[in-house]
N, C-alpha and C. Protein backbone atom coordinates (compact mmCIF):
# COMPACT_ATOMS: atom_id res chain seq x y z
N MET A 1 31.93 50.28 92.59
CA MET A 1 30.78 49.65 92.00
C MET A 1 30.06 50.61 91.05
N GLU A 2 29.91 51.89 91.46
CA GLU A 2 29.22 52.87 90.62
C GLU A 2 29.99 53.11 89.32
N LYS A 3 31.32 53.16 89.41
CA LYS A 3 32.15 53.36 88.21
C LYS A 3 31.96 52.18 87.25
N GLU A 4 31.92 50.97 87.79
CA GLU A 4 31.73 49.77 86.96
C GLU A 4 30.37 49.80 86.26
N GLU A 5 29.33 50.21 86.99
CA GLU A 5 28.00 50.30 86.38
C GLU A 5 27.99 51.35 85.27
N GLY A 6 28.70 52.45 85.48
CA GLY A 6 28.79 53.48 84.44
C GLY A 6 29.49 52.98 83.20
N GLN A 7 30.54 52.20 83.38
CA GLN A 7 31.25 51.61 82.24
C GLN A 7 30.36 50.63 81.50
N GLN A 8 29.59 49.84 82.23
CA GLN A 8 28.67 48.89 81.60
C GLN A 8 27.60 49.64 80.81
N SER A 9 27.11 50.73 81.38
CA SER A 9 26.11 51.53 80.68
C SER A 9 26.70 52.11 79.40
N HIS A 10 27.92 52.59 79.49
CA HIS A 10 28.59 53.15 78.31
C HIS A 10 28.78 52.07 77.24
N LYS A 11 29.20 50.89 77.66
CA LYS A 11 29.39 49.79 76.71
C LYS A 11 28.06 49.37 76.09
N GLY A 12 27.00 49.40 76.89
CA GLY A 12 25.68 49.08 76.37
C GLY A 12 25.24 50.08 75.31
N GLN A 13 25.54 51.35 75.54
CA GLN A 13 25.21 52.37 74.54
C GLN A 13 26.05 52.17 73.28
N ASP A 14 27.29 51.78 73.44
CA ASP A 14 28.14 51.48 72.28
C ASP A 14 27.54 50.33 71.47
N TYR A 15 27.06 49.31 72.16
CA TYR A 15 26.45 48.17 71.48
C TYR A 15 25.26 48.62 70.64
N ILE A 16 24.40 49.45 71.20
CA ILE A 16 23.24 49.95 70.47
C ILE A 16 23.69 50.70 69.22
N PHE A 17 24.71 51.55 69.37
CA PHE A 17 25.21 52.30 68.23
C PHE A 17 25.77 51.38 67.15
N VAL A 18 26.58 50.42 67.55
CA VAL A 18 27.18 49.51 66.57
C VAL A 18 26.10 48.76 65.81
N ARG A 19 25.08 48.29 66.52
CA ARG A 19 23.98 47.59 65.85
C ARG A 19 23.27 48.50 64.85
N ALA A 20 23.08 49.75 65.20
CA ALA A 20 22.42 50.69 64.29
C ALA A 20 23.32 51.07 63.12
N PHE A 21 24.62 50.99 63.32
CA PHE A 21 25.58 51.38 62.28
C PHE A 21 25.68 50.32 61.17
N VAL A 22 25.39 49.07 61.50
CA VAL A 22 25.52 47.97 60.53
C VAL A 22 24.70 48.21 59.25
N PRO A 23 23.41 48.56 59.33
CA PRO A 23 22.65 48.79 58.09
C PRO A 23 23.22 49.94 57.26
N PHE A 24 23.75 50.95 57.93
CA PHE A 24 24.37 52.06 57.20
C PHE A 24 25.57 51.56 56.41
N VAL A 25 26.43 50.80 57.05
CA VAL A 25 27.61 50.27 56.36
C VAL A 25 27.18 49.34 55.22
N ALA A 26 26.13 48.57 55.44
CA ALA A 26 25.62 47.70 54.38
C ALA A 26 25.15 48.52 53.18
N SER A 27 24.53 49.66 53.43
CA SER A 27 24.09 50.51 52.32
C SER A 27 25.28 51.09 51.57
N VAL A 28 26.34 51.41 52.30
CA VAL A 28 27.56 51.91 51.66
C VAL A 28 28.18 50.80 50.81
N LEU A 29 28.13 49.57 51.31
CA LEU A 29 28.65 48.43 50.56
C LEU A 29 27.90 48.27 49.24
N ILE A 30 26.59 48.38 49.29
CA ILE A 30 25.79 48.24 48.06
C ILE A 30 26.14 49.35 47.07
N LYS A 31 26.27 50.57 47.57
CA LYS A 31 26.63 51.69 46.70
C LYS A 31 28.02 51.48 46.11
N ALA A 32 28.96 51.05 46.93
CA ALA A 32 30.31 50.81 46.43
C ALA A 32 30.31 49.71 45.38
N TYR A 33 29.53 48.67 45.59
CA TYR A 33 29.44 47.58 44.63
C TYR A 33 28.93 48.09 43.28
N LYS A 34 27.91 48.95 43.34
CA LYS A 34 27.32 49.47 42.11
C LYS A 34 28.22 50.49 41.41
N ASP A 35 28.97 51.26 42.20
CA ASP A 35 29.71 52.40 41.64
C ASP A 35 31.20 52.15 41.40
N SER A 36 31.71 51.00 41.82
CA SER A 36 33.15 50.77 41.64
C SER A 36 33.39 49.59 40.71
N ASP A 37 34.61 49.51 40.25
CA ASP A 37 34.96 48.38 39.40
C ASP A 37 35.99 47.50 40.10
N ASP A 38 36.41 46.47 39.43
CA ASP A 38 37.34 45.52 40.03
C ASP A 38 38.72 46.10 40.30
N SER A 39 39.04 47.24 39.68
CA SER A 39 40.36 47.83 39.89
C SER A 39 40.47 48.53 41.25
N SER A 40 39.33 48.88 41.85
CA SER A 40 39.39 49.50 43.18
C SER A 40 39.13 48.42 44.22
N ASN A 41 39.53 48.71 45.42
CA ASN A 41 39.28 47.73 46.49
C ASN A 41 38.26 48.28 47.49
N ASP A 42 37.36 49.15 47.02
CA ASP A 42 36.35 49.74 47.90
C ASP A 42 35.50 48.68 48.60
N VAL A 43 35.02 47.72 47.83
CA VAL A 43 34.14 46.70 48.39
C VAL A 43 34.89 45.90 49.45
N GLU A 44 36.13 45.55 49.18
CA GLU A 44 36.90 44.76 50.14
C GLU A 44 37.15 45.53 51.43
N VAL A 45 37.40 46.83 51.31
CA VAL A 45 37.62 47.66 52.51
C VAL A 45 36.35 47.70 53.36
N ILE A 46 35.21 47.89 52.72
CA ILE A 46 33.94 47.94 53.45
C ILE A 46 33.62 46.58 54.07
N LEU A 47 33.88 45.50 53.33
CA LEU A 47 33.68 44.17 53.89
C LEU A 47 34.54 43.95 55.13
N GLY A 48 35.77 44.46 55.09
CA GLY A 48 36.65 44.38 56.26
C GLY A 48 36.05 45.13 57.44
N GLY A 49 35.46 46.29 57.16
CA GLY A 49 34.79 47.05 58.22
C GLY A 49 33.60 46.31 58.78
N MET A 50 32.86 45.64 57.92
CA MET A 50 31.71 44.87 58.39
C MET A 50 32.18 43.69 59.24
N THR A 51 33.28 43.09 58.86
CA THR A 51 33.84 42.00 59.66
C THR A 51 34.21 42.51 61.05
N ALA A 52 34.81 43.70 61.10
CA ALA A 52 35.17 44.29 62.39
C ALA A 52 33.92 44.57 63.23
N LEU A 53 32.85 45.05 62.58
CA LEU A 53 31.60 45.29 63.31
C LEU A 53 31.03 43.98 63.84
N ASN A 54 31.10 42.94 63.03
CA ASN A 54 30.63 41.62 63.47
C ASN A 54 31.43 41.15 64.68
N ASP A 55 32.73 41.32 64.63
CA ASP A 55 33.57 40.93 65.76
C ASP A 55 33.23 41.74 67.01
N GLU A 56 32.96 43.03 66.80
CA GLU A 56 32.63 43.89 67.94
C GLU A 56 31.30 43.47 68.57
N ILE A 57 30.31 43.16 67.75
CA ILE A 57 29.02 42.71 68.27
C ILE A 57 29.19 41.39 69.04
N ALA A 58 30.00 40.49 68.49
CA ALA A 58 30.26 39.22 69.19
C ALA A 58 30.93 39.48 70.53
N TRP A 59 31.85 40.45 70.58
CA TRP A 59 32.53 40.79 71.83
C TRP A 59 31.52 41.34 72.84
N PHE A 60 30.64 42.25 72.40
CA PHE A 60 29.63 42.79 73.30
C PHE A 60 28.77 41.67 73.89
N LYS A 61 28.37 40.74 73.05
CA LYS A 61 27.53 39.63 73.53
C LYS A 61 28.27 38.78 74.56
N LYS A 62 29.53 38.52 74.30
CA LYS A 62 30.34 37.72 75.24
C LYS A 62 30.51 38.47 76.56
N GLU A 63 30.83 39.76 76.47
CA GLU A 63 31.06 40.55 77.68
C GLU A 63 29.78 40.77 78.47
N ALA A 64 28.66 40.86 77.77
CA ALA A 64 27.39 41.10 78.46
C ALA A 64 27.09 40.01 79.47
N THR A 65 27.49 38.79 79.15
CA THR A 65 27.26 37.71 80.12
C THR A 65 28.12 37.92 81.37
N LYS A 66 29.32 38.46 81.18
CA LYS A 66 30.19 38.77 82.33
C LYS A 66 29.61 39.91 83.16
N TRP A 67 28.97 40.87 82.50
CA TRP A 67 28.39 42.02 83.20
C TRP A 67 27.03 41.69 83.79
N ASN A 68 26.51 40.51 83.42
CA ASN A 68 25.16 40.11 83.82
C ASN A 68 24.13 41.13 83.30
N VAL A 69 24.28 41.47 82.01
CA VAL A 69 23.42 42.46 81.37
C VAL A 69 22.74 41.81 80.17
N GLN A 70 21.45 42.06 80.03
CA GLN A 70 20.71 41.62 78.85
C GLN A 70 20.79 42.75 77.82
N LEU A 71 21.48 42.53 76.72
CA LEU A 71 21.63 43.59 75.72
C LEU A 71 20.30 44.06 75.17
N SER A 72 19.34 43.16 75.08
CA SER A 72 18.03 43.54 74.55
C SER A 72 17.26 44.46 75.50
N GLU A 73 17.70 44.57 76.73
CA GLU A 73 17.01 45.41 77.71
C GLU A 73 17.67 46.77 77.91
N ILE A 74 18.74 47.04 77.21
CA ILE A 74 19.42 48.32 77.35
C ILE A 74 18.57 49.40 76.70
N VAL A 75 18.33 50.46 77.44
CA VAL A 75 17.54 51.58 76.93
C VAL A 75 18.50 52.61 76.36
N PRO A 76 18.32 52.98 75.10
CA PRO A 76 19.22 53.97 74.51
C PRO A 76 19.06 55.33 75.17
N GLN A 77 20.18 55.97 75.45
CA GLN A 77 20.15 57.33 75.97
C GLN A 77 19.80 58.29 74.84
N LYS A 78 19.36 59.48 75.20
CA LYS A 78 18.86 60.44 74.22
C LYS A 78 19.88 60.71 73.11
N THR A 79 21.12 60.94 73.48
CA THR A 79 22.15 61.23 72.48
C THR A 79 22.32 60.07 71.51
N ASN A 80 22.30 58.86 72.05
CA ASN A 80 22.44 57.67 71.22
C ASN A 80 21.22 57.51 70.31
N GLN A 81 20.03 57.75 70.85
CA GLN A 81 18.82 57.69 70.02
C GLN A 81 18.92 58.67 68.85
N GLU A 82 19.37 59.88 69.15
CA GLU A 82 19.47 60.89 68.09
C GLU A 82 20.50 60.50 67.03
N TYR A 83 21.60 59.93 67.47
CA TYR A 83 22.62 59.53 66.50
C TYR A 83 22.14 58.36 65.65
N CYS A 84 21.49 57.39 66.29
CA CYS A 84 20.94 56.26 65.54
C CYS A 84 19.86 56.73 64.58
N ARG A 85 19.05 57.68 65.01
CA ARG A 85 18.01 58.25 64.15
C ARG A 85 18.67 58.94 62.94
N TYR A 86 19.74 59.65 63.18
CA TYR A 86 20.46 60.31 62.09
C TYR A 86 20.99 59.29 61.07
N ILE A 87 21.57 58.23 61.57
CA ILE A 87 22.11 57.19 60.68
C ILE A 87 20.99 56.58 59.84
N LEU A 88 19.86 56.27 60.49
CA LEU A 88 18.74 55.70 59.75
C LEU A 88 18.19 56.70 58.74
N HIS A 89 18.21 57.97 59.10
CA HIS A 89 17.73 59.01 58.18
C HIS A 89 18.56 59.02 56.89
N LEU A 90 19.82 58.71 56.99
CA LEU A 90 20.68 58.67 55.80
C LEU A 90 20.30 57.52 54.87
N LEU A 91 19.62 56.51 55.42
CA LEU A 91 19.29 55.32 54.65
C LEU A 91 17.94 55.38 53.94
N PHE A 92 16.96 55.96 54.59
CA PHE A 92 15.58 55.82 54.14
C PHE A 92 14.90 57.18 53.97
N PRO A 93 13.92 57.23 53.08
CA PRO A 93 13.06 58.41 53.03
C PRO A 93 12.37 58.58 54.39
N LEU A 94 11.93 59.78 54.70
CA LEU A 94 11.39 60.10 56.02
C LEU A 94 10.28 59.17 56.48
N LYS A 95 9.31 58.85 55.63
CA LYS A 95 8.21 57.98 56.05
C LYS A 95 8.73 56.60 56.46
N MET A 96 9.57 56.04 55.63
CA MET A 96 10.10 54.71 55.93
C MET A 96 10.98 54.77 57.18
N PHE A 97 11.76 55.85 57.31
CA PHE A 97 12.62 56.03 58.46
C PHE A 97 11.80 56.03 59.76
N CYS A 98 10.68 56.76 59.77
CA CYS A 98 9.84 56.82 60.98
C CYS A 98 9.32 55.43 61.33
N PHE A 99 8.92 54.68 60.35
CA PHE A 99 8.44 53.32 60.60
C PHE A 99 9.55 52.46 61.21
N PHE A 100 10.73 52.45 60.58
CA PHE A 100 11.81 51.60 61.07
C PHE A 100 12.29 52.05 62.44
N PHE A 101 12.38 53.36 62.65
CA PHE A 101 12.85 53.84 63.95
C PHE A 101 11.87 53.41 65.04
N THR A 102 10.58 53.56 64.78
CA THR A 102 9.57 53.16 65.76
C THR A 102 9.67 51.66 66.01
N PHE A 103 9.84 50.90 64.95
CA PHE A 103 9.94 49.45 65.07
C PHE A 103 11.16 49.04 65.89
N LEU A 104 12.29 49.71 65.67
CA LEU A 104 13.54 49.32 66.34
C LEU A 104 13.64 49.82 67.77
N ILE A 105 13.08 50.98 68.06
CA ILE A 105 13.29 51.60 69.37
C ILE A 105 12.14 51.34 70.34
N VAL A 106 10.93 51.36 69.88
CA VAL A 106 9.78 51.21 70.78
C VAL A 106 9.61 49.74 71.12
N PRO A 107 9.69 49.39 72.40
CA PRO A 107 9.53 47.99 72.79
C PRO A 107 8.10 47.50 72.55
N ILE A 108 8.01 46.27 72.13
CA ILE A 108 6.70 45.65 71.90
C ILE A 108 6.44 44.71 73.07
N ASN A 109 5.33 44.91 73.73
CA ASN A 109 5.00 44.07 74.90
C ASN A 109 4.08 42.96 74.51
């Protein structure tokens, strides 16, 4: 039972990371769109990656019902918080980053 709970916790942390990774990939898509031409397939490759992320998020949601876990209630572990913070830092200037990080991580009651 303890091993199963640990696996669920690990999967929950993966879900949080994947959700945080989506905006980063979207920003790469925008950059690729602006910086590439029709002769490269950069945009298509990134779109394929986004499709895979979408599929992964759908899988997490489906599995969460089997685990009897509410994905919205998963608390990010410190390492995951730091990695998600790093990803967001790549997207936004520091002031905007602090706002978005607070908005995404701090629960609103």
